[in-house]
C-alpha atoms as a PDB file:
ATOM      1  CA  MET A   1    -149.130 119.076-105.626  1.00  0.00           C
ATOM      2  CA  ALA A   2    -149.702 122.789-105.614  1.00  0.00           C
ATOM      3  CA  ALA A   3    -153.512 122.129-105.665  1.00  0.00           C
ATOM      4  CA  ILE A   4    -153.256 119.738-102.746  1.00  0.00           C
ATOM      5  CA  ASP A   5    -151.166 122.240-100.793  1.00  0.00           C
ATOM      6  CA  ALA A   6    -153.810 124.944-101.351  1.00  0.00           C
ATOM      7  CA  LEU A   7    -156.517 122.502-100.315  1.00  0.00           C
ATOM      8  CA  ILE A   8    -154.599 121.526 -97.157  1.00  0.00           C
ATOM      9  CA  ASP A   9    -154.207 125.153 -96.211  1.00  0.00           C
ATOM     10  CA  GLU A  10    -157.958 125.678 -96.740  1.00  0.00           C
ATOM     11  CA  LEU A  11    -158.998 122.499 -94.799  1.00  0.00           C
ATOM     12  CA  TYR A  12    -156.926 123.212 -91.705  1.00  0.00           C
ATOM     13  CA  GLY A  13    -158.299 126.691 -91.459  1.00  0.00           C
ATOM     14  CA  LEU A  14    -161.847 125.342 -91.155  1.00  0.00           C
ATOM     15  CA  HIS A  15    -163.891 124.946 -87.983  1.00  0.00           C
ATOM     16  CA  PRO A  16    -163.506 121.348 -86.592  1.00  0.00           C
ATOM     17  CA  THR A  17    -167.112 120.535 -87.313  1.00  0.00           C
ATOM     18  CA  GLU A  18    -166.650 121.464 -90.982  1.00  0.00           C
ATOM     19  CA  PHE A  19    -163.408 119.509 -91.589  1.00  0.00           C
ATOM     20  CA  THR A  20    -164.542 115.975 -92.392  1.00  0.00           C
ATOM     21  CA  ARG A  21    -167.338 116.976 -94.752  1.00  0.00           C
ATOM     22  CA  ALA A  22    -165.147 119.508 -96.591  1.00  0.00           C
ATOM     23  CA  ARG A  23    -162.372 116.963 -96.946  1.00  0.00           C
ATOM     24  CA  ASN A  24    -164.674 114.221 -98.240  1.00  0.00           C
ATOM     25  CA  ASP A  25    -166.279 116.613-100.727  1.00  0.00           C
ATOM     26  CA  ALA A  26    -162.838 117.699-102.001  1.00  0.00           C
ATOM     27  CA  ALA A  27    -161.820 114.054-102.439  1.00  0.00           C
ATOM     28  CA  LYS A  28    -164.759 113.232-104.704  1.00  0.00           C
ATOM     29  CA  ASP A  29    -163.675 112.641-108.339  1.00  0.00           C
ATOM     30  CA  SER A  30    -160.177 114.043-107.503  1.00  0.00           C
ATOM     31  CA  PRO A  31    -157.169 112.241-108.955  1.00  0.00           C
ATOM     32  CA  ASP A  32    -155.567 112.807-105.511  1.00  0.00           C
ATOM     33  CA  ARG A  33    -158.448 111.208-103.669  1.00  0.00           C
ATOM     34  CA  ALA A  34    -156.317 108.868-101.623  1.00  0.00           C
ATOM     35  CA  ALA A  35    -153.958 111.566-100.522  1.00  0.00           C
ATOM     36  CA  ILE A  36    -156.883 113.865 -99.632  1.00  0.00           C
ATOM     37  CA  MET A  37    -158.687 111.152 -97.651  1.00  0.00           C
ATOM     38  CA  ALA A  38    -155.511 110.434 -95.796  1.00  0.00           C
ATOM     39  CA  LEU A  39    -155.706 113.957 -94.302  1.00  0.00           C
ATOM     40  CA  ALA A  40    -156.589 113.614 -90.621  1.00  0.00           C
ATOM     41  CA  LYS A  41    -158.755 115.951 -88.657  1.00  0.00           C
ATOM     42  CA  PRO A  42    -156.681 118.113 -86.220  1.00  0.00           C
ATOM     43  CA  THR A  43    -157.029 117.625 -82.531  1.00  0.00           C
ATOM     44  CA  PRO A  44    -158.609 120.578 -80.615  1.00  0.00           C
ATOM     45  CA  ALA A  45    -155.246 121.838 -79.443  1.00  0.00           C
ATOM     46  CA  ALA A  46    -153.753 121.556 -82.942  1.00  0.00           C
ATOM     47  CA  TRP A  47    -156.764 123.363 -84.391  1.00  0.00           C
ATOM     48  CA  VAL A  48    -156.298 126.223 -81.881  1.00  0.00           C
ATOM     49  CA  VAL A  49    -152.639 126.594 -82.818  1.00  0.00           C
ATOM     50  CA  ASN A  50    -153.608 126.576 -86.490  1.00  0.00           C
ATOM     51  CA  LEU A  51    -156.229 129.240 -85.655  1.00  0.00           C
ATOM     52  CA  LEU A  52    -153.589 131.388 -83.973  1.00  0.00           C
ATOM     53  CA  VAL A  53    -151.315 131.110 -86.940  1.00  0.00           C
ATOM     54  CA  ARG A  54    -154.057 132.455 -89.197  1.00  0.00           C
ATOM     55  CA  GLN A  55    -155.628 135.066 -86.910  1.00  0.00           C
ATOM     56  CA  ARG A  56    -152.645 136.074 -84.692  1.00  0.00           C
ATOM     57  CA  ASN A  57    -149.812 135.542 -87.173  1.00  0.00           C
ATOM     58  CA  LYS A  58    -147.790 138.537 -85.949  1.00  0.00           C
ATOM     59  CA  GLU A  59    -147.905 137.260 -82.357  1.00  0.00           C
ATOM     60  CA  ILE A  60    -147.068 133.672 -83.394  1.00  0.00           C
ATOM     61  CA  THR A  61    -144.149 134.954 -85.478  1.00  0.00           C
ATOM     62  CA  GLY A  62    -142.982 136.964 -82.571  1.00  0.00           C
ATOM     63  CA  VAL A  63    -143.002 133.845 -80.344  1.00  0.00           C
ATOM     64  CA  LEU A  64    -141.099 131.845 -82.953  1.00  0.00           C
ATOM     65  CA  GLU A  65    -138.508 134.545 -83.360  1.00  0.00           C
ATOM     66  CA  LEU A  66    -138.155 134.789 -79.597  1.00  0.00           C
ATOM     67  CA  GLY A  67    -137.428 131.033 -79.707  1.00  0.00           C
ATOM     68  CA  GLU A  68    -134.620 131.731 -82.209  1.00  0.00           C
ATOM     69  CA  GLN A  69    -133.202 134.296 -79.808  1.00  0.00           C
ATOM     70  CA  LEU A  70    -133.371 131.821 -76.970  1.00  0.00           C
ATOM     71  CA  ARG A  71    -131.538 129.130 -78.926  1.00  0.00           C
ATOM     72  CA  SER A  72    -128.924 131.681 -79.914  1.00  0.00           C
ATOM     73  CA  ALA A  73    -128.467 132.813 -76.289  1.00  0.00           C
ATOM     74  CA  GLN A  74    -128.110 129.152 -75.331  1.00  0.00           C
ATOM     75  CA  ASP A  75    -125.424 128.655 -77.936  1.00  0.00           C
ATOM     76  CA  ASP A  76    -123.651 131.782 -76.759  1.00  0.00           C
ATOM     77  CA  LEU A  77    -124.064 130.801 -73.069  1.00  0.00           C
ATOM     78  CA  ASP A  78    -125.506 134.252 -72.504  1.00  0.00           C
ATOM     79  CA  ARG A  79    -126.924 133.880 -69.017  1.00  0.00           C
ATOM     80  CA  ASP A  80    -128.395 137.418 -68.774  1.00  0.00           C
ATOM     81  CA  ALA A  81    -130.128 137.171 -72.093  1.00  0.00           C
ATOM     82  CA  LEU A  82    -131.432 133.660 -71.301  1.00  0.00           C
ATOM     83  CA  THR A  83    -132.957 134.905 -68.030  1.00  0.00           C
ATOM     84  CA  GLU A  84    -134.719 137.795 -69.752  1.00  0.00           C
ATOM     85  CA  LEU A  85    -135.836 135.817 -72.821  1.00  0.00           C
ATOM     86  CA  THR A  86    -137.137 132.957 -70.652  1.00  0.00           C
ATOM     87  CA  LYS A  87    -139.282 135.397 -68.699  1.00  0.00           C
ATOM     88  CA  GLN A  88    -140.662 136.826 -72.029  1.00  0.00           C
ATOM     89  CA  ARG A  89    -141.326 133.276 -73.261  1.00  0.00           C
ATOM     90  CA  ARG A  90    -143.508 132.423 -70.256  1.00  0.00           C
ATOM     91  CA  GLN A  91    -145.449 135.634 -70.665  1.00  0.00           C
ATOM     92  CA  LEU A  92    -145.962 135.278 -74.395  1.00  0.00           C
ATOM     93  CA  VAL A  93    -146.867 131.636 -74.354  1.00  0.00           C
ATOM     94  CA  GLY A  94    -149.373 132.071 -71.551  1.00  0.00           C
ATOM     95  CA  ALA A  95    -150.956 135.092 -73.296  1.00  0.00           C
ATOM     96  CA  LEU A  96    -151.103 133.366 -76.685  1.00  0.00           C
ATOM     97  CA  ALA A  97    -152.696 130.182 -75.252  1.00  0.00           C
ATOM     98  CA  LYS A  98    -155.376 132.371 -73.608  1.00  0.00           C
ATOM     99  CA  GLN A  99    -155.905 134.217 -76.894  1.00  0.00           C
ATOM    100  CA  GLY A 100    -156.339 130.875 -78.651  1.00  0.00           C
ATOM    101  CA  ALA A 101    -159.023 129.758 -76.182  1.00  0.00           C
ATOM    102  CA  ASP A 102    -160.821 133.127 -76.721  1.00  0.00           C
ATOM    103  CA  LEU A 103    -160.627 132.830 -80.485  1.00  0.00           C
ATOM    104  CA  ALA A 104    -161.977 129.247 -80.378  1.00  0.00           C
ATOM    105  CA  GLU A 105    -164.885 130.362 -78.153  1.00  0.00           C
ATOM    106  CA  LEU A 106    -165.687 133.167 -80.556  1.00  0.00           C
ATOM    107  CA  GLN A 107    -166.137 130.509 -83.228  1.00  0.00           C
ATOM    108  CA  GLY A 108    -168.462 128.517 -80.977  1.00  0.00           C
ATOM    109  CA  HIS A 109    -165.905 125.919 -80.005  1.00  0.00           C
ATOM    110  CA  LYS A 110    -165.105 125.828 -76.297  1.00  0.00           C
ATOM    111  CA  VAL A 111    -161.716 124.267 -75.708  1.00  0.00           C
ATOM    112  CA  SER A 112    -160.883 122.327 -72.549  1.00  0.00           C
ATOM    113  CA  ALA A 113    -158.238 123.446 -70.060  1.00  0.00           C
ATOM    114  CA  SER A 114    -156.138 120.423 -70.959  1.00  0.00           C
ATOM    115  CA  ALA A 115    -156.281 121.351 -74.623  1.00  0.00           C
ATOM    116  CA  ILE A 116    -155.141 124.879 -73.811  1.00  0.00           C
ATOM    117  CA  GLU A 117    -152.290 123.410 -71.863  1.00  0.00           C
ATOM    118  CA  GLU A 118    -151.320 121.390 -74.971  1.00  0.00           C
ATOM    119  CA  VAL A 119    -151.419 124.640 -76.980  1.00  0.00           C
ATOM    120  CA  ALA A 120    -148.849 126.155 -74.507  1.00  0.00           C
ATOM    121  CA  GLN A 121    -146.696 123.045 -74.735  1.00  0.00           C
ATOM    122  CA  THR A 122    -146.794 123.148 -78.477  1.00  0.00           C
ATOM    123  CA  LEU A 123    -145.700 126.799 -78.526  1.00  0.00           C
ATOM    124  CA  GLN A 124    -142.907 126.010 -76.111  1.00  0.00           C
ATOM    125  CA  ALA A 125    -141.751 123.107 -78.275  1.00  0.00           C
ATOM    126  CA  ALA A 126    -141.793 125.409 -81.322  1.00  0.00           C
ATOM    127  CA  MET A 127    -139.545 127.832 -79.448  1.00  0.00           C
ATOM    128  CA  ALA A 128    -137.133 125.090 -78.558  1.00  0.00           C
ATOM    129  CA  ASP A 129    -136.695 123.586 -82.004  1.00  0.00           C
ATOM    130  CA  ALA A 130    -136.448 125.196 -85.435  1.00  0.00           C
ATOM    131  CA  ASP A 131    -138.256 122.263 -87.218  1.00  0.00           C
ATOM    132  CA  ALA A 132    -141.051 122.419 -84.690  1.00  0.00           C
ATOM    133  CA  ALA A 133    -141.266 126.143 -85.361  1.00  0.00           C
ATOM    134  CA  ALA A 134    -141.703 125.442 -89.054  1.00  0.00           C
ATOM    135  CA  ALA A 135    -144.364 122.888 -88.251  1.00  0.00           C
ATOM    136  CA  VAL A 136    -146.357 125.377 -86.189  1.00  0.00           C
ATOM    137  CA  HIS A 137    -145.816 128.208 -88.688  1.00  0.00           C
ATOM    138  CA  SER A 138    -147.233 126.032 -91.452  1.00  0.00           C
ATOM    139  CA  GLY A 139    -150.720 126.181 -89.870  1.00  0.00           C
ATOM    140  CA  HIS A 140    -151.238 122.498 -90.703  1.00  0.00           C
ATOM    141  CA  LEU A 141    -150.762 120.837 -87.329  1.00  0.00           C
ATOM    142  CA  LEU A 142    -152.568 117.551 -86.769  1.00  0.00           C
ATOM    143  CA  ARG A 143    -151.700 117.096 -83.064  1.00  0.00           C
ATOM    144  CA  PRO A 144    -149.928 119.072 -80.351  1.00  0.00           C
ATOM    145  CA  LEU A 145    -146.179 118.981 -80.121  1.00  0.00           C
ATOM    146  CA  THR A 146    -144.181 117.768 -77.156  1.00  0.00           C
ATOM    147  CA  THR A 147    -140.455 117.955 -76.383  1.00  0.00           C
ATOM    148  CA  VAL A 148    -138.664 114.622 -75.908  1.00  0.00           C
ATOM    149  CA  GLY A 149    -135.348 115.202 -74.267  1.00  0.00           C
ATOM    150  CA  LEU A 150    -133.650 117.826 -76.430  1.00  0.00           C
ATOM    151  CA  THR A 151    -135.787 117.246 -79.483  1.00  0.00           C
ATOM    152  CA  VAL A 152    -139.471 117.588 -80.584  1.00  0.00           C
ATOM    153  CA  ASP A 153    -141.389 114.594 -81.902  1.00  0.00           C
ATOM    154  CA  LEU A 154    -142.782 115.641 -85.310  1.00  0.00           C
ATOM    155  CA  GLU A 155    -143.743 112.217 -86.554  1.00  0.00           C
ATOM    156  CA  GLY A 156    -147.197 112.478 -88.052  1.00  0.00           C
ATOM    157  CA  ALA A 157    -147.619 115.950 -86.602  1.00  0.00           C
ATOM    158  CA  VAL A 158    -148.157 118.008 -89.789  1.00  0.00           C
ATOM    159  CA  ALA A 159    -150.314 117.616 -92.873  1.00  0.00           C
ATOM    160  CA  GLY A 160    -148.527 118.028 -96.175  1.00  0.00           C
ATOM    161  CA  ASN A 161    -145.017 119.481 -96.704  1.00  0.00           C
ATOM    162  CA  THR A 162    -143.720 122.336 -94.658  1.00  0.00           C
ATOM    163  CA  ALA A 163    -140.876 124.640 -95.720  1.00  0.00           C
ATOM    164  CA  PRO A 164    -138.304 125.451 -93.055  1.00  0.00           C
ATOM    165  CA  LEU A 165    -139.054 128.584 -91.139  1.00  0.00           C
ATOM    166  CA  LYS A 166    -136.658 131.254 -92.363  1.00  0.00           C
ATOM    167  CA  LYS A 167    -135.126 133.622 -89.972  1.00  0.00           C
ATOM    168  CA  SER A 168    -136.283 137.120 -90.549  1.00  0.00           C
ATOM    169  CA  ALA A 169    -133.704 139.645 -91.443  1.00  0.00           C
ATOM    170  CA  THR A 170    -134.821 141.646 -88.377  1.00  0.00           C
ATOM    171  CA  VAL A 171    -134.070 138.785 -86.016  1.00  0.00           C
ATOM    172  CA  VAL A 172    -130.725 138.062 -87.654  1.00  0.00           C
ATOM    173  CA  ASP A 173    -129.789 141.707 -87.422  1.00  0.00           C
ATOM    174  CA  GLU A 174    -130.933 141.941 -83.811  1.00  0.00           C
ATOM    175  CA  LEU A 175    -129.002 138.805 -82.811  1.00  0.00           C
ATOM    176  CA  GLU A 176    -125.860 139.987 -84.551  1.00  0.00           C
ATOM    177  CA  GLU A 177    -126.296 143.421 -83.111  1.00  0.00           C
ATOM    178  CA  ARG A 178    -126.676 141.941 -79.618  1.00  0.00           C
ATOM    179  CA  ARG A 179    -123.632 139.723 -80.082  1.00  0.00           C
ATOM    180  CA  ALA A 180    -121.584 142.749 -81.284  1.00  0.00           C
ATOM    181  CA  GLU A 181    -122.873 144.812 -78.358  1.00  0.00           C
ATOM    182  CA  LYS A 182    -121.858 141.983 -75.957  1.00  0.00           C
ATOM    183  CA  ARG A 183    -118.436 141.740 -77.591  1.00  0.00           C
ATOM    184  CA  ARG A 184    -118.050 145.528 -77.244  1.00  0.00           C
ATOM    185  CA  GLN A 185    -119.124 145.471 -73.595  1.00  0.00           C
ATOM    186  CA  GLN A 186    -116.711 142.612 -72.824  1.00  0.00           C
ATOM    187  CA  ALA A 187    -113.874 144.520 -74.542  1.00  0.00           C
ATOM    188  CA  GLU A 188    -114.713 147.702 -72.604  1.00  0.00           C
ATOM    189  CA  ALA A 189    -114.961 145.674 -69.381  1.00  0.00           C
ATOM    190  CA  LYS A 190    -111.557 144.142 -70.058  1.00  0.00           C
ATOM    191  CA  ARG A 191    -110.036 147.539 -70.758  1.00  0.00           C
ATOM    192  CA  ALA A 192    -111.656 148.922 -67.622  1.00  0.00           C
ATOM    193  CA  LEU A 193    -110.302 145.955 -65.570  1.00  0.00           C
ATOM    194  CA  GLU A 194    -106.822 146.521 -66.892  1.00  0.00           C
ATOM    195  CA  ALA A 195    -107.024 150.244 -66.203  1.00  0.00           C
ATOM    196  CA  ALA A 196    -108.367 149.588 -62.700  1.00  0.00           C
ATOM    197  CA  GLU A 197    -105.613 147.025 -61.997  1.00  0.00           C
ATOM    198  CA  THR A 198    -102.943 149.457 -63.134  1.00  0.00           C
ATOM    199  CA  ALA A 199    -104.448 152.253 -60.996  1.00  0.00           C
ATOM    200  CA  GLN A 200    -104.621 149.816 -58.048  1.00  0.00           C
ATOM    201  CA  GLN A 201    -100.943 148.927 -58.440  1.00  0.00           C
ATOM    202  CA  LYS A 202     -99.970 152.671 -58.640  1.00  0.00           C
ATOM    203  CA  ALA A 203    -102.180 153.436 -55.619  1.00  0.00           C
ATOM    204  CA  GLU A 204    -100.598 150.556 -53.711  1.00  0.00           C
ATOM    205  CA  ARG A 205     -97.126 151.879 -54.500  1.00  0.00           C
ATOM    206  CA  ARG A 206     -98.182 155.387 -53.327  1.00  0.00           C
ATOM    207  CA  VAL A 207     -99.620 153.922 -50.115  1.00  0.00           C
ATOM    208  CA  ALA A 208     -96.332 152.021 -49.486  1.00  0.00           C
ATOM    209  CA  ASP A 209     -94.382 155.256 -50.078  1.00  0.00           C
ATOM    210  CA  ALA A 210     -96.766 157.150 -47.774  1.00  0.00           C
ATOM    211  CA  LEU A 211     -96.405 154.489 -45.098  1.00  0.00           C
ATOM    212  CA  ARG A 212     -92.569 154.719 -45.229  1.00  0.00           C
ATOM    213  CA  HIS A 213     -92.766 158.499 -45.090  1.00  0.00           C
ATOM    214  CA  ARG A 214     -95.185 158.338 -42.168  1.00  0.00           C
ATOM    215  CA  ASP A 215     -92.907 155.968 -40.302  1.00  0.00           C
ATOM    216  CA  SER A 216     -89.886 158.227 -41.001  1.00  0.00           C
ATOM    217  CA  VAL A 217     -91.748 161.290 -39.742  1.00  0.00           C
ATOM    218  CA  ALA A 218     -92.982 159.382 -36.687  1.00  0.00           C
ATOM    219  CA  ASP A 219     -89.384 158.388 -35.918  1.00  0.00           C
ATOM    220  CA  ASP A 220     -88.279 162.037 -36.292  1.00  0.00           C
ATOM    221  CA  TYR A 221     -91.149 163.179 -34.150  1.00  0.00           C
ATOM    222  CA  GLU A 222     -90.303 160.728 -31.370  1.00  0.00           C
ATOM    223  CA  ALA A 223     -86.623 161.843 -31.542  1.00  0.00           C
ATOM    224  CA  ALA A 224     -87.720 165.490 -31.479  1.00  0.00           C
ATOM    225  CA  GLN A 225     -90.011 164.840 -28.468  1.00  0.00           C
ATOM    226  CA  ALA A 226     -87.097 163.166 -26.640  1.00  0.00           C
ATOM    227  CA  HIS A 227     -84.814 166.072 -27.614  1.00  0.00           C
ATOM    228  CA  ALA A 228     -87.469 168.595 -26.474  1.00  0.00           C
ATOM    229  CA  LYS A 229     -87.614 166.927 -23.080  1.00  0.00           C
ATOM    230  CA  GLU A 230     -83.886 167.115 -22.763  1.00  0.00           C
ATOM    231  CA  LEU A 231     -83.904 170.807 -23.824  1.00  0.00           C
ATOM    232  CA  LYS A 232     -86.690 171.445 -21.289  1.00  0.00           C
ATOM    233  CA  ARG A 233     -84.564 169.998 -18.550  1.00  0.00           C
ATOM    234  CA  SER A 234     -81.502 172.019 -19.697  1.00  0.00           C
ATOM    235  CA  LEU A 235     -83.675 175.143 -19.751  1.00  0.00           C
ATOM    236  CA  ALA A 236     -84.821 174.526 -16.217  1.00  0.00           C
ATOM    237  CA  ASP A 237     -81.218 174.068 -15.100  1.00  0.00           C
ATOM    238  CA  ALA A 238     -80.128 177.248 -16.872  1.00  0.00           C
ATOM    239  CA  GLU A 239     -82.955 179.222 -15.228  1.00  0.00           C
ATOM    240  CA  ARG A 240     -81.922 177.947 -11.760  1.00  0.00           C
ATOM    241  CA  ASP A 241     -78.294 178.886 -12.474  1.00  0.00           C
ATOM    242  CA  LEU A 242     -79.448 182.362 -13.682  1.00  0.00           C
ATOM    243  CA  LYS A 243     -81.374 182.885 -10.495  1.00  0.00           C
ATOM    244  CA  ALA A 244     -78.446 181.859  -8.329  1.00  0.00           C
ATOM    245  CA  VAL A 245     -76.022 184.115 -10.229  1.00  0.00           C
ATOM    246  CA  ALA A 246     -78.466 186.997 -10.195  1.00  0.00           C
ATOM    247  CA  ALA A 247     -78.838 186.596  -6.416  1.00  0.00           C
ATOM    248  CA  GLU A 248     -75.002 186.635  -5.958  1.00  0.00           C
ATOM    249  CA  ARG A 249     -74.788 189.754  -8.136  1.00  0.00           C
ATOM    250  CA  ASP A 250     -77.448 191.508  -6.129  1.00  0.00           C
ATOM    251  CA  ALA A 251     -75.659 190.613  -2.830  1.00  0.00           C
ATOM    252  CA  ALA A 252     -72.349 191.891  -4.265  1.00  0.00           C
ATOM    253  CA  ALA A 253     -74.000 195.141  -5.366  1.00  0.00           C
ATOM    254  CA  ASP A 254     -75.433 195.594  -1.861  1.00  0.00           C
ATOM    255  CA  ALA A 255     -72.012 195.008  -0.289  1.00  0.00           C
ATOM    256  CA  ALA A 256     -70.348 197.443  -2.682  1.00  0.00           C
ATOM    257  CA  ASP A 257     -72.958 200.152  -1.857  1.00  0.00           C
ATOM    258  CA  ALA A 258     -72.274 199.664   1.886  1.00  0.00           C
ATOM    259  CA  ALA A 259     -68.557 199.903   1.537  1.00  0.00           C
ATOM    260  CA  ARG A 260     -68.865 202.989  -0.657  1.00  0.00           C
ATOM    261  CA  ALA A 261     -70.917 204.720   2.000  1.00  0.00           C
ATOM    262  CA  LEU A 262     -68.308 204.067   4.661  1.00  0.00           C
ATOM    263  CA  VAL A 263     -65.511 205.521   2.498  1.00  0.00           C
ATOM    264  CA  GLU A 264     -67.442 208.677   1.833  1.00  0.00           C
ATOM    265  CA  ARG A 265     -67.828 209.439   5.526  1.00  0.00           C
END
C-alpha cells in the first residue's frame, strides 16, 4: 500500500491535463491496477486546494490551525475570541482562494469564479471540522467540501487513506495559554469586583455618616441663626436702654452743676 500511497501523492500533484495519462500509465502491468484505475481525476476546485497544500503549505496549515482555535473558542463559548478569529478566517480564506487562482493560472489553467468559490467553501469546511481538515491537508482531494448542518460530507471526497491531522504543539500551547490567560483575567476581574463592592459599601457608609453629620450641623446652624436673631434683638434693646440711662445721667449731671453754682454764690 505504501507504493500506492506514494503514487496517489504524485498523481494528485499533477496538472489536470496530465492526470489521466499518468494514472493509466501507472496502472499498466501493476498488481494494483484496479485500485489505481479507480482513482478519479480531481475537480478544478479540488485540484486548486491540492495545489495550495503543496505550494502554500505554511498558509494552509495556518488556516487549519486557526480552525482548531475557532472550534476551541466555540467549545469555551469565548465570544471575544470567536469574533476576532472569525474575522481572521474571512481574511485568510479569501486571500488563499485568490492565491490558488493565481497559482493555477501560472500553470496555464485558468479556474472559473465558481471553482474559486468552491475552494473558499472547502477551506471553510476544513476549518469547521477536524476530519475535513485532515482531508484537505492530505492534498488528495477529489471534490470540493461542503458543510451539511454541523458536519462536513466527506463521502468520496479523498483518494486513498488520510491520517488524522495532528494538532501542532504550538497550537496546543497557544490554546492552553489563552485559556490560562482567560482564567487569570476572570480571577482578577472577580477580585477587582469584590474589592470594588467592598469599597462601595464602605463609601456608602461614609456617605451616610456624612449626611447625618451634615443634617446635625444644619440643625445646629438653624438653631444658632435663630439664637443670633434673638441676641440681635436683645442687643438692640440694651443699646436703647443704655441711651436712655445715659441721657438721664447727663440731665442729672447738668442739674447738679446748676445747684452747685447757686450754693457757691
